[in-house]
Amino acid sequence: MKLKGGIDSIAKLAGVALMSANAAYADVTVVYKITSPNGSGTQTIRYADQQHVRVDMTNAINQTSMLKLDDKVYAITGKVVQDMNQLASMMASMGMGKKERHKTPSPVNYEDTGRTETIAGIRGKVYRFVEKGRSHEVVLGQNKDLQDAVRGVVAITKAATGMMPFDSTNLIQQDASLRNMAMLRLDDVVRLQSINTNSVPDSTFELPAKPQRMGGIGELMNGVLGK
């Protein structure tokens, strides 16, 4: 599935959602529409608390899910479950750790355009920023439930294998006016479609099967790499 850019974009920009450690949490379901030449679809975030977060990335062909249970993150395709923490440890043991593969980028400076947009009932400010020489436009709005859900994406991507190998807060300008905001739109690629606070069923956070063992894969890759 080729929607990785969507979750990356949300995760990277999620550094603007800096919530208080003492905040109260409530169930929330957020749907982002992802439009990309490589494949369009949706990203649905279901958030109960910091230990129970699920992200479903769906296009016309298939669905891939990421599930955070306590301090572990799992990738789910159909009934196939992979323990991403185990995969990250395996990659690190082979010298493929995230610190070796990536450099922490410079902070991104957001320019307030003075314009506003209302998306999915949430009013946001329109900002411009430049990344890797390309100009982008992002709409940021204040909504606690949306912030909670986006923080869940941050937790998942930071725990997974290299999708977010650095602290997202390094990507934002340290501006107090941005600290309580979350993304409503990124260019024409990512757009908030809906948000609700209906109760999320407990079954949403259940694994469909036991995680696959990765020992065999690790041994095979070690052999290929001559380790």
N, C-alpha and C. Protein backbone atom coordinates (compact mmCIF):
# COMPACT_ATOMS: atom_id res chain seq x y z
N MET A 1 0.84 -1.19 0.00
CA MET A 1 0.00 0.00 0.00
C MET A 1 0.87 1.24 0.00
N LYS A 2 0.54 2.24 -0.80
CA LYS A 2 1.43 3.38 -0.98
C LYS A 2 0.82 4.64 -0.37
N LEU A 3 0.49 4.57 0.91
CA LEU A 3 -0.02 5.74 1.60
C LEU A 3 0.89 6.16 2.72
N LYS A 4 2.13 5.63 2.72
CA LYS A 4 3.05 5.91 3.82
C LYS A 4 3.29 7.41 3.99
N GLY A 5 3.31 8.14 2.87
CA GLY A 5 3.53 9.58 2.96
C GLY A 5 2.50 10.27 3.82
N GLY A 6 1.27 9.77 3.79
CA GLY A 6 0.22 10.38 4.59
C GLY A 6 0.46 10.27 6.07
N ILE A 7 0.76 9.09 6.54
CA ILE A 7 1.01 8.91 7.98
C ILE A 7 2.29 9.61 8.38
N ASP A 8 3.30 9.63 7.49
CA ASP A 8 4.53 10.35 7.79
C ASP A 8 4.25 11.83 7.98
N SER A 9 3.45 12.39 7.07
CA SER A 9 3.17 13.82 7.14
C SER A 9 2.45 14.17 8.42
N ILE A 10 1.45 13.37 8.78
CA ILE A 10 0.71 13.64 10.01
C ILE A 10 1.62 13.51 11.21
N ALA A 11 2.46 12.48 11.20
CA ALA A 11 3.35 12.27 12.34
C ALA A 11 4.36 13.37 12.48
N LYS A 12 4.96 13.80 11.37
CA LYS A 12 5.98 14.84 11.43
C LYS A 12 5.41 16.16 11.91
N LEU A 13 4.17 16.45 11.47
CA LEU A 13 3.56 17.71 11.87
C LEU A 13 2.85 17.62 13.21
N ALA A 14 2.77 16.41 13.74
CA ALA A 14 2.07 16.23 15.01
C ALA A 14 2.83 16.82 16.18
N GLY A 15 4.06 17.23 15.96
CA GLY A 15 4.81 17.87 17.03
C GLY A 15 4.15 19.13 17.52
N VAL A 16 3.22 19.70 16.76
CA VAL A 16 2.53 20.90 17.22
C VAL A 16 1.48 20.56 18.26
N ALA A 17 1.18 19.29 18.44
CA ALA A 17 0.16 18.91 19.41
C ALA A 17 0.84 18.50 20.71
N LEU A 18 1.23 19.44 21.51
CA LEU A 18 1.96 19.17 22.74
C LEU A 18 0.99 19.27 23.91
N MET A 19 0.48 18.13 24.35
CA MET A 19 -0.56 18.13 25.36
C MET A 19 0.04 18.02 26.76
N SER A 20 -0.72 18.47 27.74
CA SER A 20 -0.31 18.35 29.13
C SER A 20 -0.30 16.90 29.56
N ALA A 21 0.69 16.55 30.39
CA ALA A 21 0.79 15.17 30.86
C ALA A 21 -0.39 14.79 31.74
N ASN A 22 -1.09 15.79 32.27
CA ASN A 22 -2.20 15.51 33.16
C ASN A 22 -3.55 15.60 32.47
N ALA A 23 -3.55 15.70 31.12
CA ALA A 23 -4.80 15.84 30.41
C ALA A 23 -5.65 14.59 30.53
N ALA A 24 -6.97 14.77 30.53
CA ALA A 24 -7.89 13.64 30.59
C ALA A 24 -8.15 13.16 29.17
N TYR A 25 -8.27 11.84 28.99
CA TYR A 25 -8.43 11.28 27.66
C TYR A 25 -9.85 10.77 27.46
N ALA A 26 -10.33 10.87 26.21
CA ALA A 26 -11.65 10.35 25.86
C ALA A 26 -11.54 9.66 24.51
N ASP A 27 -12.44 8.71 24.24
CA ASP A 27 -12.43 8.02 22.95
C ASP A 27 -12.64 9.03 21.82
N VAL A 28 -11.91 8.83 20.75
CA VAL A 28 -12.07 9.70 19.58
C VAL A 28 -11.72 8.92 18.33
N THR A 29 -12.46 9.17 17.25
CA THR A 29 -12.18 8.57 15.95
C THR A 29 -11.99 9.69 14.94
N VAL A 30 -10.86 9.66 14.26
CA VAL A 30 -10.50 10.70 13.30
C VAL A 30 -10.24 10.06 11.94
N VAL A 31 -10.78 10.65 10.89
CA VAL A 31 -10.54 10.14 9.54
C VAL A 31 -9.89 11.24 8.70
N TYR A 32 -8.71 10.94 8.16
CA TYR A 32 -8.04 11.83 7.21
C TYR A 32 -8.17 11.24 5.81
N LYS A 33 -8.44 12.09 4.83
CA LYS A 33 -8.42 11.66 3.44
C LYS A 33 -7.04 11.90 2.88
N ILE A 34 -6.46 10.88 2.24
CA ILE A 34 -5.12 10.97 1.65
C ILE A 34 -5.26 10.92 0.14
N THR A 35 -4.74 11.93 -0.54
CA THR A 35 -4.79 11.98 -2.00
C THR A 35 -3.37 12.03 -2.52
N SER A 36 -2.99 11.01 -3.28
CA SER A 36 -1.62 10.90 -3.76
C SER A 36 -1.58 10.23 -5.12
N PRO A 37 -0.66 10.63 -6.00
CA PRO A 37 -0.51 9.96 -7.30
C PRO A 37 -0.19 8.48 -7.14
N ASN A 38 0.40 8.12 -6.00
CA ASN A 38 0.77 6.72 -5.78
C ASN A 38 -0.37 5.88 -5.21
N GLY A 39 -1.49 6.50 -4.88
CA GLY A 39 -2.60 5.74 -4.32
C GLY A 39 -3.35 6.55 -3.29
N SER A 40 -4.63 6.80 -3.53
CA SER A 40 -5.45 7.58 -2.62
C SER A 40 -6.24 6.67 -1.69
N GLY A 41 -6.63 7.21 -0.54
CA GLY A 41 -7.38 6.41 0.41
C GLY A 41 -7.68 7.21 1.67
N THR A 42 -7.80 6.50 2.78
CA THR A 42 -8.09 7.16 4.05
C THR A 42 -7.17 6.63 5.14
N GLN A 43 -7.00 7.45 6.15
CA GLN A 43 -6.29 7.03 7.36
C GLN A 43 -7.24 7.28 8.53
N THR A 44 -7.63 6.21 9.21
CA THR A 44 -8.55 6.31 10.33
C THR A 44 -7.80 6.06 11.63
N ILE A 45 -7.88 7.01 12.55
CA ILE A 45 -7.22 6.90 13.84
C ILE A 45 -8.29 6.68 14.90
N ARG A 46 -8.15 5.60 15.67
CA ARG A 46 -9.05 5.35 16.80
C ARG A 46 -8.21 5.39 18.07
N TYR A 47 -8.61 6.26 18.97
CA TYR A 47 -7.80 6.54 20.16
C TYR A 47 -8.66 6.42 21.41
N ALA A 48 -8.21 5.58 22.36
CA ALA A 48 -8.88 5.46 23.65
C ALA A 48 -8.05 6.11 24.75
N ASP A 49 -6.75 5.81 24.73
CA ASP A 49 -5.79 6.42 25.64
C ASP A 49 -4.41 6.15 25.06
N GLN A 50 -3.36 6.56 25.78
CA GLN A 50 -2.01 6.42 25.23
C GLN A 50 -1.59 4.97 25.02
N GLN A 51 -2.27 4.04 25.70
CA GLN A 51 -1.93 2.62 25.58
C GLN A 51 -2.80 1.89 24.56
N HIS A 52 -3.80 2.56 24.02
CA HIS A 52 -4.72 1.91 23.07
C HIS A 52 -4.98 2.87 21.89
N VAL A 53 -4.22 2.65 20.81
CA VAL A 53 -4.34 3.48 19.62
C VAL A 53 -4.29 2.57 18.40
N ARG A 54 -5.16 2.83 17.44
CA ARG A 54 -5.17 2.04 16.21
C ARG A 54 -5.25 2.98 15.01
N VAL A 55 -4.42 2.71 13.99
CA VAL A 55 -4.44 3.47 12.75
C VAL A 55 -4.69 2.50 11.61
N ASP A 56 -5.76 2.72 10.83
CA ASP A 56 -6.08 1.90 9.67
C ASP A 56 -5.85 2.72 8.42
N MET A 57 -4.95 2.26 7.55
CA MET A 57 -4.66 2.91 6.28
C MET A 57 -5.27 2.09 5.16
N THR A 58 -6.26 2.68 4.47
CA THR A 58 -7.07 1.94 3.51
C THR A 58 -7.04 2.60 2.14
N ASN A 59 -6.88 1.79 1.09
CA ASN A 59 -7.06 2.29 -0.27
C ASN A 59 -7.99 1.33 -1.00
N ALA A 60 -8.07 1.46 -2.32
CA ALA A 60 -9.01 0.65 -3.08
C ALA A 60 -8.62 -0.82 -3.12
N ILE A 61 -7.37 -1.13 -2.75
CA ILE A 61 -6.88 -2.50 -2.88
C ILE A 61 -6.83 -3.23 -1.54
N ASN A 62 -6.32 -2.59 -0.51
CA ASN A 62 -6.14 -3.31 0.74
C ASN A 62 -6.17 -2.37 1.95
N GLN A 63 -5.98 -2.95 3.12
CA GLN A 63 -5.91 -2.19 4.36
C GLN A 63 -4.75 -2.69 5.19
N THR A 64 -3.98 -1.75 5.71
CA THR A 64 -2.90 -2.05 6.63
C THR A 64 -3.15 -1.29 7.92
N SER A 65 -2.94 -1.95 9.05
CA SER A 65 -3.22 -1.31 10.34
C SER A 65 -1.99 -1.32 11.22
N MET A 66 -1.91 -0.31 12.07
CA MET A 66 -0.89 -0.23 13.12
C MET A 66 -1.64 -0.13 14.44
N LEU A 67 -1.27 -0.96 15.39
CA LEU A 67 -1.97 -1.01 16.67
C LEU A 67 -0.98 -0.87 17.81
N LYS A 68 -1.23 0.09 18.70
CA LYS A 68 -0.40 0.27 19.88
C LYS A 68 -1.14 -0.25 21.09
N LEU A 69 -0.55 -1.24 21.76
CA LEU A 69 -1.08 -1.79 23.01
C LEU A 69 0.00 -1.63 24.07
N ASP A 70 -0.28 -0.83 25.06
CA ASP A 70 0.71 -0.51 26.10
C ASP A 70 1.95 0.07 25.42
N ASP A 71 3.11 -0.56 25.59
CA ASP A 71 4.34 -0.02 25.01
C ASP A 71 4.75 -0.74 23.73
N LYS A 72 3.88 -1.58 23.18
CA LYS A 72 4.21 -2.33 21.97
C LYS A 72 3.36 -1.86 20.80
N VAL A 73 3.96 -1.95 19.60
CA VAL A 73 3.27 -1.58 18.37
C VAL A 73 3.27 -2.78 17.43
N TYR A 74 2.11 -3.03 16.82
CA TYR A 74 1.97 -4.17 15.91
C TYR A 74 1.49 -3.68 14.55
N ALA A 75 1.98 -4.34 13.49
CA ALA A 75 1.49 -4.10 12.13
C ALA A 75 0.56 -5.26 11.78
N ILE A 76 -0.61 -4.93 11.23
CA ILE A 76 -1.62 -5.95 10.93
C ILE A 76 -2.02 -5.84 9.47
N THR A 77 -1.90 -6.95 8.75
CA THR A 77 -2.39 -7.07 7.38
C THR A 77 -3.26 -8.31 7.32
N GLY A 78 -4.56 -8.11 7.21
CA GLY A 78 -5.46 -9.25 7.31
C GLY A 78 -5.37 -9.84 8.70
N LYS A 79 -4.98 -11.12 8.78
CA LYS A 79 -4.79 -11.77 10.08
C LYS A 79 -3.31 -12.00 10.39
N VAL A 80 -2.45 -11.38 9.60
CA VAL A 80 -1.01 -11.49 9.83
C VAL A 80 -0.58 -10.33 10.73
N VAL A 81 0.04 -10.67 11.86
CA VAL A 81 0.45 -9.68 12.85
C VAL A 81 1.96 -9.73 13.02
N GLN A 82 2.59 -8.56 12.98
CA GLN A 82 4.03 -8.46 13.19
C GLN A 82 4.31 -7.52 14.35
N ASP A 83 5.22 -7.93 15.20
CA ASP A 83 5.64 -7.12 16.35
C ASP A 83 6.71 -6.15 15.87
N MET A 84 6.36 -4.87 15.76
CA MET A 84 7.29 -3.88 15.22
C MET A 84 8.45 -3.61 16.17
N ASN A 85 8.21 -3.74 17.47
CA ASN A 85 9.29 -3.55 18.42
C ASN A 85 10.36 -4.61 18.23
N GLN A 86 9.92 -5.87 18.00
CA GLN A 86 10.87 -6.96 17.78
C GLN A 86 11.65 -6.73 16.49
N LEU A 87 10.97 -6.23 15.45
CA LEU A 87 11.64 -5.95 14.19
C LEU A 87 12.66 -4.84 14.35
N ALA A 88 12.31 -3.80 15.13
CA ALA A 88 13.24 -2.70 15.36
C ALA A 88 14.49 -3.18 16.08
N SER A 89 14.29 -4.05 17.07
CA SER A 89 15.43 -4.59 17.81
C SER A 89 16.30 -5.44 16.91
N MET A 90 15.66 -6.22 16.04
CA MET A 90 16.40 -7.07 15.12
C MET A 90 17.24 -6.24 14.16
N MET A 91 16.66 -5.15 13.64
CA MET A 91 17.38 -4.29 12.72
C MET A 91 18.55 -3.60 13.42
N ALA A 92 18.32 -3.20 14.67
CA ALA A 92 19.40 -2.55 15.43
C ALA A 92 20.55 -3.50 15.65
N SER A 93 20.25 -4.78 15.91
CA SER A 93 21.29 -5.77 16.15
C SER A 93 22.12 -6.03 14.90
N MET A 94 21.58 -5.69 13.73
CA MET A 94 22.29 -5.89 12.48
C MET A 94 22.94 -4.60 12.00
N GLY A 95 23.02 -3.61 12.89
CA GLY A 95 23.65 -2.36 12.52
C GLY A 95 22.81 -1.49 11.63
N MET A 96 21.49 -1.69 11.67
CA MET A 96 20.58 -0.90 10.84
C MET A 96 19.72 0.01 11.70
N GLY A 97 20.28 0.44 12.82
CA GLY A 97 19.54 1.28 13.74
C GLY A 97 19.20 2.62 13.15
N LYS A 98 18.14 3.23 13.64
CA LYS A 98 17.65 4.47 13.06
C LYS A 98 18.65 5.62 13.20
N LYS A 99 19.45 5.63 14.24
CA LYS A 99 20.40 6.71 14.41
C LYS A 99 21.48 6.68 13.33
N GLU A 100 21.75 5.47 12.83
CA GLU A 100 22.78 5.33 11.82
C GLU A 100 22.26 5.69 10.43
N ARG A 101 20.95 5.58 10.24
CA ARG A 101 20.39 5.78 8.92
C ARG A 101 19.86 7.18 8.68
N HIS A 102 19.63 7.95 9.74
CA HIS A 102 18.98 9.23 9.57
C HIS A 102 19.68 10.31 10.39
N LYS A 103 19.60 11.52 9.89
CA LYS A 103 20.08 12.67 10.62
C LYS A 103 18.88 13.49 11.05
N THR A 104 18.96 14.07 12.25
CA THR A 104 17.88 14.91 12.72
C THR A 104 17.79 16.16 11.87
N PRO A 105 16.62 16.44 11.29
CA PRO A 105 16.49 17.60 10.42
C PRO A 105 16.43 18.90 11.21
N SER A 106 16.60 19.99 10.51
CA SER A 106 16.52 21.30 11.15
C SER A 106 15.05 21.64 11.42
N PRO A 107 14.81 22.52 12.39
CA PRO A 107 13.43 22.92 12.67
C PRO A 107 12.77 23.55 11.45
N VAL A 108 11.47 23.39 11.34
CA VAL A 108 10.71 23.98 10.25
C VAL A 108 10.07 25.27 10.75
N ASN A 109 10.20 26.33 9.99
CA ASN A 109 9.60 27.61 10.37
C ASN A 109 8.27 27.79 9.67
N TYR A 110 7.22 28.02 10.45
CA TYR A 110 5.89 28.19 9.90
C TYR A 110 5.56 29.68 9.78
N GLU A 111 5.10 30.09 8.60
CA GLU A 111 4.73 31.48 8.34
C GLU A 111 3.21 31.60 8.32
N ASP A 112 2.67 32.40 9.21
CA ASP A 112 1.23 32.63 9.28
C ASP A 112 0.81 33.48 8.08
N THR A 113 -0.10 32.94 7.25
CA THR A 113 -0.54 33.66 6.05
C THR A 113 -1.62 34.69 6.37
N GLY A 114 -2.20 34.61 7.57
CA GLY A 114 -3.29 35.51 7.92
C GLY A 114 -4.64 35.00 7.47
N ARG A 115 -4.66 33.88 6.75
CA ARG A 115 -5.92 33.29 6.29
C ARG A 115 -6.39 32.20 7.24
N THR A 116 -7.66 31.88 7.19
CA THR A 116 -8.23 30.80 7.98
C THR A 116 -9.06 29.88 7.09
N GLU A 117 -9.21 28.63 7.51
CA GLU A 117 -10.08 27.67 6.83
C GLU A 117 -10.83 26.87 7.90
N THR A 118 -12.06 26.50 7.61
CA THR A 118 -12.82 25.62 8.49
C THR A 118 -12.94 24.26 7.82
N ILE A 119 -12.39 23.24 8.47
CA ILE A 119 -12.36 21.89 7.92
C ILE A 119 -12.95 20.93 8.93
N ALA A 120 -13.94 20.16 8.51
CA ALA A 120 -14.63 19.20 9.40
C ALA A 120 -15.14 19.90 10.66
N GLY A 121 -15.59 21.13 10.50
CA GLY A 121 -16.16 21.88 11.62
C GLY A 121 -15.14 22.55 12.53
N ILE A 122 -13.86 22.43 12.22
CA ILE A 122 -12.81 23.03 13.06
C ILE A 122 -12.15 24.17 12.28
N ARG A 123 -12.11 25.33 12.90
CA ARG A 123 -11.49 26.48 12.24
C ARG A 123 -9.98 26.44 12.50
N GLY A 124 -9.21 26.65 11.44
CA GLY A 124 -7.77 26.61 11.57
C GLY A 124 -7.09 27.76 10.86
N LYS A 125 -5.83 28.00 11.22
CA LYS A 125 -5.01 29.01 10.57
C LYS A 125 -4.18 28.37 9.47
N VAL A 126 -3.99 29.11 8.39
CA VAL A 126 -3.22 28.61 7.26
C VAL A 126 -1.77 29.11 7.38
N TYR A 127 -0.83 28.15 7.33
CA TYR A 127 0.60 28.47 7.43
C TYR A 127 1.32 27.96 6.18
N ARG A 128 2.44 28.62 5.88
CA ARG A 128 3.34 28.13 4.84
C ARG A 128 4.64 27.69 5.50
N PHE A 129 5.27 26.67 4.90
CA PHE A 129 6.60 26.28 5.36
C PHE A 129 7.36 25.67 4.20
N VAL A 130 8.68 25.66 4.31
CA VAL A 130 9.54 25.12 3.25
C VAL A 130 10.30 23.93 3.82
N GLU A 131 10.25 22.81 3.11
CA GLU A 131 10.99 21.61 3.51
C GLU A 131 11.65 21.01 2.30
N LYS A 132 12.96 20.81 2.39
CA LYS A 132 13.76 20.26 1.29
C LYS A 132 13.59 21.08 0.02
N GLY A 133 13.51 22.39 0.19
CA GLY A 133 13.43 23.28 -0.95
C GLY A 133 12.05 23.42 -1.56
N ARG A 134 11.06 22.74 -1.01
CA ARG A 134 9.71 22.80 -1.56
C ARG A 134 8.78 23.53 -0.59
N SER A 135 7.93 24.39 -1.13
CA SER A 135 6.99 25.15 -0.31
C SER A 135 5.71 24.36 -0.11
N HIS A 136 5.21 24.37 1.12
CA HIS A 136 3.99 23.65 1.46
C HIS A 136 3.04 24.57 2.22
N GLU A 137 1.78 24.16 2.26
CA GLU A 137 0.76 24.89 3.00
C GLU A 137 0.08 23.93 3.96
N VAL A 138 -0.04 24.33 5.22
CA VAL A 138 -0.66 23.47 6.22
C VAL A 138 -1.67 24.29 7.01
N VAL A 139 -2.78 23.66 7.35
CA VAL A 139 -3.81 24.30 8.17
C VAL A 139 -3.78 23.65 9.55
N LEU A 140 -3.60 24.46 10.59
CA LEU A 140 -3.53 23.97 11.96
C LEU A 140 -4.67 24.55 12.77
N GLY A 141 -5.34 23.68 13.54
CA GLY A 141 -6.46 24.14 14.36
C GLY A 141 -6.37 23.61 15.77
N GLN A 142 -7.14 24.22 16.66
CA GLN A 142 -7.16 23.82 18.07
C GLN A 142 -8.37 22.94 18.34
N ASN A 143 -8.11 21.71 18.75
CA ASN A 143 -9.17 20.78 19.13
C ASN A 143 -8.53 19.67 19.95
N LYS A 144 -8.90 19.58 21.22
CA LYS A 144 -8.24 18.64 22.13
C LYS A 144 -8.37 17.20 21.67
N ASP A 145 -9.56 16.80 21.19
CA ASP A 145 -9.75 15.40 20.77
C ASP A 145 -8.87 15.07 19.57
N LEU A 146 -8.76 16.00 18.64
CA LEU A 146 -7.89 15.78 17.48
C LEU A 146 -6.44 15.70 17.92
N GLN A 147 -6.05 16.53 18.86
CA GLN A 147 -4.68 16.49 19.37
C GLN A 147 -4.38 15.14 20.00
N ASP A 148 -5.31 14.61 20.77
CA ASP A 148 -5.12 13.30 21.40
C ASP A 148 -4.88 12.23 20.34
N ALA A 149 -5.72 12.25 19.28
CA ALA A 149 -5.61 11.24 18.23
C ALA A 149 -4.28 11.34 17.51
N VAL A 150 -3.86 12.57 17.19
CA VAL A 150 -2.61 12.76 16.48
C VAL A 150 -1.42 12.37 17.35
N ARG A 151 -1.51 12.63 18.65
CA ARG A 151 -0.45 12.18 19.56
C ARG A 151 -0.34 10.66 19.53
N GLY A 152 -1.48 9.98 19.32
CA GLY A 152 -1.44 8.53 19.19
C GLY A 152 -0.63 8.10 17.98
N VAL A 153 -0.77 8.83 16.86
CA VAL A 153 0.02 8.53 15.66
C VAL A 153 1.50 8.74 15.94
N VAL A 154 1.82 9.80 16.68
CA VAL A 154 3.22 10.05 17.04
C VAL A 154 3.78 8.86 17.82
N ALA A 155 3.01 8.39 18.81
CA ALA A 155 3.47 7.27 19.63
C ALA A 155 3.72 6.03 18.78
N ILE A 156 2.85 5.78 17.83
CA ILE A 156 3.00 4.60 16.97
C ILE A 156 4.22 4.74 16.07
N THR A 157 4.37 5.88 15.42
CA THR A 157 5.47 6.03 14.48
C THR A 157 6.83 6.07 15.17
N LYS A 158 6.87 6.59 16.38
CA LYS A 158 8.15 6.62 17.10
C LYS A 158 8.55 5.22 17.54
N ALA A 159 7.57 4.35 17.77
CA ALA A 159 7.87 3.00 18.22
C ALA A 159 8.13 2.04 17.06
N ALA A 160 7.64 2.39 15.86
CA ALA A 160 7.78 1.51 14.71
C ALA A 160 9.19 1.64 14.11
N THR A 161 9.41 0.93 13.04
CA THR A 161 10.77 0.78 12.50
C THR A 161 11.15 1.88 11.54
N GLY A 162 11.61 2.99 12.10
CA GLY A 162 12.21 4.02 11.27
C GLY A 162 11.27 4.94 10.54
N MET A 163 9.93 4.83 10.73
CA MET A 163 9.05 5.77 10.06
C MET A 163 9.22 7.17 10.62
N MET A 164 9.63 7.25 11.87
CA MET A 164 9.85 8.56 12.49
C MET A 164 11.05 8.44 13.41
N PRO A 165 12.26 8.47 12.87
CA PRO A 165 13.46 8.19 13.64
C PRO A 165 13.99 9.38 14.43
N PHE A 166 13.15 10.39 14.64
CA PHE A 166 13.58 11.55 15.41
C PHE A 166 12.37 12.13 16.11
N ASP A 167 12.62 13.01 17.04
CA ASP A 167 11.55 13.65 17.81
C ASP A 167 10.87 14.70 16.94
N SER A 168 9.55 14.56 16.73
CA SER A 168 8.83 15.47 15.84
C SER A 168 8.88 16.90 16.32
N THR A 169 9.09 17.12 17.60
CA THR A 169 9.13 18.49 18.10
C THR A 169 10.31 19.25 17.53
N ASN A 170 11.33 18.54 17.01
CA ASN A 170 12.45 19.22 16.38
C ASN A 170 12.06 19.83 15.04
N LEU A 171 10.92 19.43 14.51
CA LEU A 171 10.51 19.88 13.19
C LEU A 171 9.70 21.17 13.23
N ILE A 172 9.33 21.64 14.38
CA ILE A 172 8.47 22.80 14.44
C ILE A 172 9.21 23.99 15.05
N GLN A 173 8.76 25.13 14.67
CA GLN A 173 9.28 26.35 15.27
C GLN A 173 8.79 26.40 16.71
N GLN A 174 9.67 26.71 17.65
CA GLN A 174 9.28 26.74 19.06
C GLN A 174 8.48 28.01 19.32
N ASP A 175 7.22 27.96 18.90
CA ASP A 175 6.32 29.11 18.97
C ASP A 175 5.12 28.70 19.82
N ALA A 176 4.89 29.44 20.91
CA ALA A 176 3.81 29.08 21.83
C ALA A 176 2.46 29.05 21.15
N SER A 177 2.30 29.84 20.08
CA SER A 177 1.00 29.89 19.39
C SER A 177 0.69 28.61 18.64
N LEU A 178 1.69 27.73 18.43
CA LEU A 178 1.47 26.47 17.70
C LEU A 178 1.33 25.27 18.62
N ARG A 179 1.62 25.41 19.88
CA ARG A 179 1.77 24.25 20.75
C ARG A 179 0.46 23.54 21.07
N ASN A 180 -0.67 24.19 20.90
CA ASN A 180 -1.95 23.55 21.18
C ASN A 180 -2.75 23.32 19.90
N MET A 181 -2.03 23.07 18.79
CA MET A 181 -2.70 22.93 17.50
C MET A 181 -2.38 21.59 16.86
N ALA A 182 -3.27 21.14 15.97
CA ALA A 182 -3.07 19.88 15.26
C ALA A 182 -3.47 20.08 13.80
N MET A 183 -3.02 19.18 12.93
CA MET A 183 -3.18 19.36 11.50
C MET A 183 -4.59 19.08 11.01
N LEU A 184 -5.12 20.02 10.21
CA LEU A 184 -6.40 19.85 9.53
C LEU A 184 -6.19 19.54 8.05
N ARG A 185 -5.15 20.11 7.47
CA ARG A 185 -4.87 19.89 6.05
C ARG A 185 -3.39 20.09 5.77
N LEU A 186 -2.86 19.31 4.85
CA LEU A 186 -1.50 19.49 4.34
C LEU A 186 -1.56 19.51 2.83
N ASP A 187 -1.34 20.68 2.24
CA ASP A 187 -1.46 20.86 0.79
C ASP A 187 -2.80 20.26 0.33
N ASP A 188 -2.77 19.54 -0.79
CA ASP A 188 -3.97 18.82 -1.25
C ASP A 188 -3.81 17.32 -1.02
N VAL A 189 -2.85 16.96 -0.15
CA VAL A 189 -2.51 15.55 0.06
C VAL A 189 -3.25 14.96 1.26
N VAL A 190 -3.26 15.68 2.37
CA VAL A 190 -3.89 15.19 3.59
C VAL A 190 -4.95 16.19 4.02
N ARG A 191 -6.16 15.71 4.32
CA ARG A 191 -7.25 16.59 4.73
C ARG A 191 -8.14 15.87 5.75
N LEU A 192 -8.41 16.54 6.86
CA LEU A 192 -9.30 15.97 7.87
C LEU A 192 -10.70 15.82 7.28
N GLN A 193 -11.23 14.61 7.32
CA GLN A 193 -12.55 14.32 6.75
C GLN A 193 -13.64 14.32 7.81
N SER A 194 -13.33 13.75 8.99
CA SER A 194 -14.33 13.72 10.05
C SER A 194 -13.67 13.45 11.39
N ILE A 195 -14.39 13.81 12.46
CA ILE A 195 -13.94 13.53 13.83
C ILE A 195 -15.17 13.36 14.70
N ASN A 196 -15.15 12.32 15.55
CA ASN A 196 -16.25 12.14 16.49
C ASN A 196 -15.72 11.55 17.79
N THR A 197 -16.49 11.69 18.84
CA THR A 197 -16.07 11.21 20.16
C THR A 197 -16.98 10.08 20.66
N ASN A 198 -17.52 9.31 19.72
CA ASN A 198 -18.30 8.14 20.11
C ASN A 198 -17.39 7.10 20.76
N SER A 199 -17.96 6.27 21.60
CA SER A 199 -17.18 5.23 22.27
C SER A 199 -16.59 4.26 21.25
N VAL A 200 -15.32 3.94 21.40
CA VAL A 200 -14.65 2.98 20.52
C VAL A 200 -14.73 1.60 21.17
N PRO A 201 -15.28 0.59 20.48
CA PRO A 201 -15.40 -0.76 21.06
C PRO A 201 -14.04 -1.33 21.47
N ASP A 202 -14.01 -2.06 22.58
CA ASP A 202 -12.77 -2.68 23.04
C ASP A 202 -12.17 -3.62 22.00
N SER A 203 -13.04 -4.24 21.19
CA SER A 203 -12.57 -5.20 20.18
C SER A 203 -11.67 -4.54 19.13
N THR A 204 -11.77 -3.23 19.00
CA THR A 204 -10.94 -2.50 18.04
C THR A 204 -9.47 -2.68 18.34
N PHE A 205 -9.15 -2.87 19.63
CA PHE A 205 -7.76 -2.94 20.06
C PHE A 205 -7.32 -4.37 20.36
N GLU A 206 -8.00 -5.36 19.77
CA GLU A 206 -7.63 -6.76 19.93
C GLU A 206 -6.86 -7.25 18.71
N LEU A 207 -5.80 -8.01 18.93
CA LEU A 207 -5.04 -8.59 17.83
C LEU A 207 -5.83 -9.74 17.21
N PRO A 208 -5.87 -9.84 15.87
CA PRO A 208 -6.61 -10.94 15.23
C PRO A 208 -5.88 -12.28 15.31
N ALA A 209 -4.61 -12.25 15.67
CA ALA A 209 -3.81 -13.47 15.78
C ALA A 209 -2.56 -13.16 16.58
N LYS A 210 -1.83 -14.22 16.94
CA LYS A 210 -0.57 -14.01 17.63
C LYS A 210 0.47 -13.45 16.66
N PRO A 211 1.37 -12.60 17.14
CA PRO A 211 2.41 -12.05 16.26
C PRO A 211 3.30 -13.15 15.70
N GLN A 212 3.72 -12.98 14.45
CA GLN A 212 4.63 -13.93 13.82
C GLN A 212 6.00 -13.83 14.47
N ARG A 213 6.67 -14.97 14.56
CA ARG A 213 8.05 -14.96 15.05
C ARG A 213 8.97 -14.47 13.95
N MET A 214 9.92 -13.62 14.31
CA MET A 214 10.83 -13.06 13.32
C MET A 214 12.23 -13.64 13.42
N GLY A 215 12.41 -14.63 14.25
CA GLY A 215 13.74 -15.22 14.42
C GLY A 215 14.31 -15.73 13.12
N GLY A 216 13.48 -16.43 12.33
CA GLY A 216 13.94 -16.96 11.07
C GLY A 216 14.36 -15.89 10.10
N ILE A 217 13.58 -14.80 10.06
CA ILE A 217 13.91 -13.69 9.17
C ILE A 217 15.23 -13.06 9.59
N GLY A 218 15.37 -12.87 10.90
CA GLY A 218 16.60 -12.27 11.41
C GLY A 218 17.82 -13.10 11.08
N GLU A 219 17.72 -14.42 11.26
CA GLU A 219 18.84 -15.29 10.95
C GLU A 219 19.18 -15.26 9.47
N LEU A 220 18.13 -15.20 8.61
CA LEU A 220 18.35 -15.16 7.17
C LEU A 220 19.06 -13.87 6.77
N MET A 221 18.60 -12.74 7.31
CA MET A 221 19.21 -11.45 6.96
C MET A 221 20.64 -11.36 7.49
N ASN A 222 20.86 -11.91 8.68
CA ASN A 222 22.22 -11.93 9.21
C ASN A 222 23.15 -12.71 8.30
N GLY A 223 22.62 -13.82 7.77
CA GLY A 223 23.42 -14.64 6.88
C GLY A 223 23.76 -13.91 5.59
N VAL A 224 22.76 -13.18 5.06
CA VAL A 224 22.98 -12.42 3.82
C VAL A 224 24.00 -11.32 4.04
N LEU A 225 23.94 -10.69 5.23
CA LEU A 225 24.86 -9.60 5.53
C LEU A 225 26.21 -10.10 6.05
N GLY A 226 26.33 -11.42 6.21
CA GLY A 226 27.60 -11.99 6.66
C GLY A 226 27.86 -11.76 8.11
N LYS A 227 26.81 -11.68 8.93
CA LYS A 227 26.98 -11.44 10.37
C LYS A 227 26.82 -12.73 11.14
